[in-house]
N, C-alpha and C. Protein backbone atom coordinates (compact mmCIF):
# COMPACT_ATOMS: atom_id res chain seq x y z
N MET A 1 13.66 17.06 55.76
CA MET A 1 12.46 18.07 56.64
C MET A 1 12.44 18.63 57.61
N PRO A 2 13.17 18.66 58.17
CA PRO A 2 13.33 19.34 59.35
C PRO A 2 13.90 20.69 59.25
N ARG A 3 14.64 21.03 57.83
CA ARG A 3 15.14 22.45 57.48
C ARG A 3 13.78 23.44 57.53
N ILE A 4 13.12 22.70 56.55
CA ILE A 4 11.87 23.26 56.30
C ILE A 4 11.28 22.91 57.44
N ILE A 5 11.02 23.32 58.80
CA ILE A 5 10.51 23.22 59.85
C ILE A 5 10.57 24.76 60.67
N GLN A 6 12.75 24.42 60.78
CA GLN A 6 13.02 25.32 60.98
C GLN A 6 12.85 26.34 60.23
N ALA A 7 13.06 26.44 58.72
CA ALA A 7 12.45 27.70 58.12
C ALA A 7 11.26 28.26 58.61
N LYS A 8 10.41 27.68 58.75
CA LYS A 8 8.54 27.89 58.98
C LYS A 8 9.00 28.45 61.01
N GLN A 9 9.75 28.11 61.13
CA GLN A 9 9.61 28.80 63.18
C GLN A 9 10.51 29.68 62.56
N ILE A 10 11.65 30.55 61.86
CA ILE A 10 12.21 31.53 61.69
C ILE A 10 11.07 32.66 60.98
N LEU A 11 10.31 31.94 59.93
CA LEU A 11 9.74 33.47 59.42
C LEU A 11 9.12 33.55 60.51
N ARG A 12 7.96 32.81 61.30
CA ARG A 12 7.26 33.27 62.35
C ARG A 12 7.83 33.88 63.50
N ARG A 13 8.85 33.98 63.67
CA ARG A 13 9.46 34.92 64.44
C ARG A 13 9.76 36.43 63.42
N SER A 14 10.36 36.07 62.18
CA SER A 14 10.41 37.42 61.77
C SER A 14 9.43 38.02 61.30
N LEU A 15 8.44 37.30 60.98
CA LEU A 15 6.82 38.14 60.80
C LEU A 15 6.45 38.94 62.06
N SER A 16 6.18 37.84 63.49
CA SER A 16 5.88 38.38 64.68
C SER A 16 6.97 40.25 64.62
N ASN A 17 7.49 40.14 64.44
CA ASN A 17 8.66 40.78 65.08
C ASN A 17 8.69 41.72 63.91
N GLY A 18 8.49 42.14 63.14
CA GLY A 18 7.95 43.13 61.47
C GLY A 18 7.36 44.46 61.94
N SER A 19 7.53 45.26 61.38
CA SER A 19 7.00 46.39 61.67
C SER A 19 5.55 46.52 60.59
N ARG A 20 4.17 46.78 61.49
CA ARG A 20 2.95 46.64 60.15
C ARG A 20 2.40 47.86 58.90
N ASN A 21 3.77 48.96 58.77
CA ASN A 21 3.51 49.87 58.32
C ASN A 21 3.35 49.00 56.55
N THR A 22 2.67 49.74 56.12
CA THR A 22 1.72 49.14 54.58
C THR A 22 2.72 48.32 53.88
N TYR A 23 4.29 48.99 53.45
CA TYR A 23 5.31 48.53 52.71
C TYR A 23 5.35 47.31 53.32
N MET A 24 5.58 47.20 54.38
CA MET A 24 6.49 45.77 55.86
C MET A 24 4.90 44.25 55.32
N ALA A 25 3.21 45.04 54.83
CA ALA A 25 2.55 44.38 55.86
C ALA A 25 2.04 43.00 54.81
N ILE A 26 2.56 42.06 55.66
CA ILE A 26 2.51 40.72 54.46
C ILE A 26 1.14 39.38 54.99
N PRO A 27 0.11 39.63 53.97
CA PRO A 27 -1.16 38.66 54.34
C PRO A 27 -0.89 37.97 54.99
N LYS A 28 -1.84 37.13 55.64
CA LYS A 28 -1.82 36.33 56.37
C LYS A 28 -2.02 34.86 55.60
N GLY A 29 -1.03 33.93 56.00
CA GLY A 29 -0.47 32.80 55.49
C GLY A 29 0.68 32.97 54.16
N HIS A 30 1.30 34.42 54.05
CA HIS A 30 2.50 34.42 53.04
C HIS A 30 3.52 34.66 53.83
N PHE A 31 4.99 34.56 52.38
CA PHE A 31 5.66 34.96 53.67
C PHE A 31 7.16 35.66 52.97
N VAL A 32 7.86 36.39 52.96
CA VAL A 32 8.90 37.54 52.32
C VAL A 32 9.55 36.54 51.88
N VAL A 33 10.04 36.87 50.41
CA VAL A 33 11.30 36.14 50.52
C VAL A 33 12.56 36.81 49.21
N TYR A 34 13.62 37.29 49.80
CA TYR A 34 14.17 37.74 48.71
C TYR A 34 14.94 37.17 47.63
N VAL A 35 14.96 37.34 46.45
CA VAL A 35 15.86 36.75 45.50
C VAL A 35 16.90 37.84 44.16
N GLY A 36 17.64 37.05 43.83
CA GLY A 36 18.80 37.98 43.25
C GLY A 36 20.03 37.32 43.31
N GLU A 37 20.65 37.18 42.54
CA GLU A 37 22.39 36.93 42.88
C GLU A 37 22.94 38.35 43.15
N GLN A 38 22.65 39.12 42.83
CA GLN A 38 23.58 40.58 43.13
C GLN A 38 22.78 41.43 43.97
N GLU A 39 21.57 42.10 42.97
CA GLU A 39 20.46 42.89 44.07
C GLU A 39 19.31 42.11 43.90
N LYS A 40 18.85 42.50 45.55
CA LYS A 40 17.98 41.46 46.22
C LYS A 40 16.39 41.88 46.31
N LYS A 41 15.55 41.21 44.86
CA LYS A 41 14.33 41.50 44.96
C LYS A 41 13.03 41.26 45.63
N ARG A 42 12.59 41.77 46.55
CA ARG A 42 11.55 41.20 47.54
C ARG A 42 9.89 41.15 47.07
N PHE A 43 9.47 39.62 47.27
CA PHE A 43 8.67 38.95 47.19
C PHE A 43 7.75 38.49 47.83
N VAL A 44 6.54 38.45 48.05
CA VAL A 44 5.47 38.11 48.83
C VAL A 44 4.79 37.23 48.22
N VAL A 45 5.09 35.77 48.60
CA VAL A 45 4.59 34.25 48.14
C VAL A 45 3.58 33.55 49.37
N PRO A 46 2.76 32.50 48.96
CA PRO A 46 2.17 31.61 50.00
C PRO A 46 2.90 30.85 50.66
N VAL A 47 2.75 30.79 52.60
CA VAL A 47 3.04 29.45 52.46
C VAL A 47 3.44 28.00 51.68
N SER A 48 2.43 27.76 51.55
CA SER A 48 2.33 26.48 50.66
C SER A 48 3.23 26.42 49.79
N LEU A 49 3.79 27.09 49.59
CA LEU A 49 5.25 27.51 48.68
C LEU A 49 5.99 26.56 49.11
N LEU A 50 5.79 26.33 50.53
CA LEU A 50 7.50 25.56 51.55
C LEU A 50 6.86 24.07 50.70
N ASN A 51 5.90 23.18 51.02
CA ASN A 51 5.77 22.43 50.65
C ASN A 51 6.36 21.98 49.24
N GLN A 52 6.35 22.39 48.44
CA GLN A 52 6.70 22.23 47.22
C GLN A 52 7.96 22.03 46.52
N PRO A 53 7.95 20.34 46.65
CA PRO A 53 9.71 20.14 46.15
C PRO A 53 10.90 20.85 45.10
N ALA A 54 9.91 21.38 44.60
CA ALA A 54 10.92 22.33 43.69
C ALA A 54 11.15 23.18 44.17
N PHE A 55 10.51 23.93 45.23
CA PHE A 55 10.48 25.15 46.09
C PHE A 55 11.54 24.72 46.95
N GLN A 56 11.87 23.61 47.46
CA GLN A 56 12.74 23.51 48.49
C GLN A 56 14.07 23.28 48.04
N GLU A 57 14.29 22.77 46.58
CA GLU A 57 15.40 22.54 46.19
C GLU A 57 16.14 24.35 46.03
N LEU A 58 15.81 25.16 46.25
CA LEU A 58 15.82 26.51 46.42
C LEU A 58 16.44 26.84 47.35
N LEU A 59 15.67 26.34 48.67
CA LEU A 59 16.31 26.86 50.16
C LEU A 59 17.27 25.92 50.07
N TYR A 60 17.82 24.86 49.62
CA TYR A 60 19.26 24.22 49.98
C TYR A 60 20.24 25.20 49.89
N PRO A 61 20.28 25.25 48.45
CA PRO A 61 21.32 26.31 47.99
C PRO A 61 21.31 27.77 49.39
N ALA A 62 19.91 28.18 49.61
CA ALA A 62 19.71 29.00 50.33
C ALA A 62 20.46 29.25 51.70
N GLU A 63 19.96 27.68 52.66
CA GLU A 63 19.98 27.49 53.69
C GLU A 63 22.53 27.28 53.58
N GLU A 64 22.88 26.99 52.42
CA GLU A 64 23.82 26.87 52.73
C GLU A 64 24.88 28.05 52.63
N GLU A 65 25.08 29.36 51.40
CA GLU A 65 24.81 30.63 52.33
C GLU A 65 24.61 31.86 52.66
N PHE A 66 23.19 31.75 53.00
CA PHE A 66 22.69 32.74 53.63
C PHE A 66 21.94 32.11 54.90
N GLY A 67 22.09 30.61 55.75
CA GLY A 67 20.92 30.36 56.40
C GLY A 67 19.81 30.77 56.39
N TYR A 68 19.28 30.56 57.04
CA TYR A 68 17.81 31.29 57.06
C TYR A 68 16.91 32.99 57.74
N ASN A 69 17.63 34.00 58.19
CA ASN A 69 17.54 34.45 58.75
C ASN A 69 18.05 35.95 57.30
N HIS A 70 17.59 36.87 57.61
CA HIS A 70 17.58 38.43 56.42
C HIS A 70 17.75 38.92 57.08
N PRO A 71 18.54 39.69 57.38
CA PRO A 71 18.23 41.33 58.23
C PRO A 71 17.14 42.40 58.74
N MET A 72 16.00 41.88 57.23
CA MET A 72 14.62 42.50 57.23
C MET A 72 13.75 41.61 56.65
N GLY A 73 14.32 40.00 58.22
CA GLY A 73 13.14 39.27 57.60
C GLY A 73 12.55 38.63 56.66
N GLY A 74 12.20 37.57 56.39
CA GLY A 74 12.10 36.92 55.25
C GLY A 74 13.42 35.76 54.71
N LEU A 75 13.63 34.99 53.94
CA LEU A 75 14.13 34.17 53.67
C LEU A 75 14.98 34.88 52.16
N THR A 76 16.03 35.04 51.95
CA THR A 76 16.90 34.99 51.08
C THR A 76 16.77 34.06 49.58
N ILE A 77 16.93 33.90 49.05
CA ILE A 77 17.31 32.54 47.46
C ILE A 77 17.72 33.31 46.70
N PRO A 78 19.52 32.88 46.51
CA PRO A 78 20.09 32.95 45.86
C PRO A 78 20.35 32.68 44.28
N CYS A 79 19.31 32.90 43.48
CA CYS A 79 19.61 32.70 42.65
C CYS A 79 18.84 33.33 41.99
N SER A 80 18.79 33.42 40.05
CA SER A 80 18.51 34.56 39.28
C SER A 80 16.63 34.83 39.49
N GLU A 81 15.83 36.08 39.50
CA GLU A 81 14.71 36.63 39.58
C GLU A 81 14.19 35.49 38.33
N ASP A 82 14.86 35.73 36.97
CA ASP A 82 13.44 34.77 36.25
C ASP A 82 13.79 32.90 36.59
N ILE A 83 14.54 32.59 37.49
CA ILE A 83 14.47 31.55 37.24
C ILE A 83 13.15 31.46 38.91
N PHE A 84 13.49 31.84 39.59
CA PHE A 84 12.66 32.46 40.86
C PHE A 84 11.44 32.49 40.25
N THR A 85 10.81 33.23 39.07
CA THR A 85 9.89 33.53 38.76
C THR A 85 9.05 32.89 37.74
N ASP A 86 9.46 32.23 37.29
CA ASP A 86 9.60 31.15 36.32
C ASP A 86 8.85 30.18 37.48
N LEU A 87 9.73 29.85 38.05
CA LEU A 87 8.85 28.16 39.50
C LEU A 87 7.34 29.36 40.21
N ALA A 88 8.08 30.58 40.82
CA ALA A 88 7.16 30.74 41.45
C ALA A 88 5.22 31.15 40.34
N SER A 89 5.68 30.92 39.42
CA SER A 89 4.29 31.28 38.19
C SER A 89 4.33 29.87 37.71
N ARG A 90 4.43 28.64 37.67
CA ARG A 90 4.25 27.50 37.40
C ARG A 90 3.58 26.91 38.71
N LEU A 91 3.99 27.09 40.21
CA LEU A 91 3.04 26.40 41.06
C LEU A 91 2.23 27.58 41.46
N GLY A 92 1.98 28.17 41.08
CA GLY A 92 0.82 29.29 41.27
C GLY A 92 0.92 30.07 42.50
N ALA A 93 1.85 30.64 42.48
CA ALA A 93 2.35 31.48 43.36
C ALA A 93 2.68 33.17 43.21
N LEU A 94 2.57 33.09 42.01
CA LEU A 94 2.39 35.02 41.45
C LEU A 94 1.27 35.21 40.60
């Protein structure tokens, strides 16, 4: 659970430091994740995903490989886009 709290703190910092242009605008209660094994695709998902055990399972390898920092803000998740979109769809995030 401390990892989730740490991820939330980093998200708050990255969102508060981000630019406010249209592309980078993130709705309140959402955060950015970058997903993919080679090319990273940007997704904006609800913060409620952080409470889902299935999503937390994706965060463990992400922490091992990348930590919780991304040069553009958000989290990087090293899984295939198909796996992420399937999971996020099942959890009602997409």
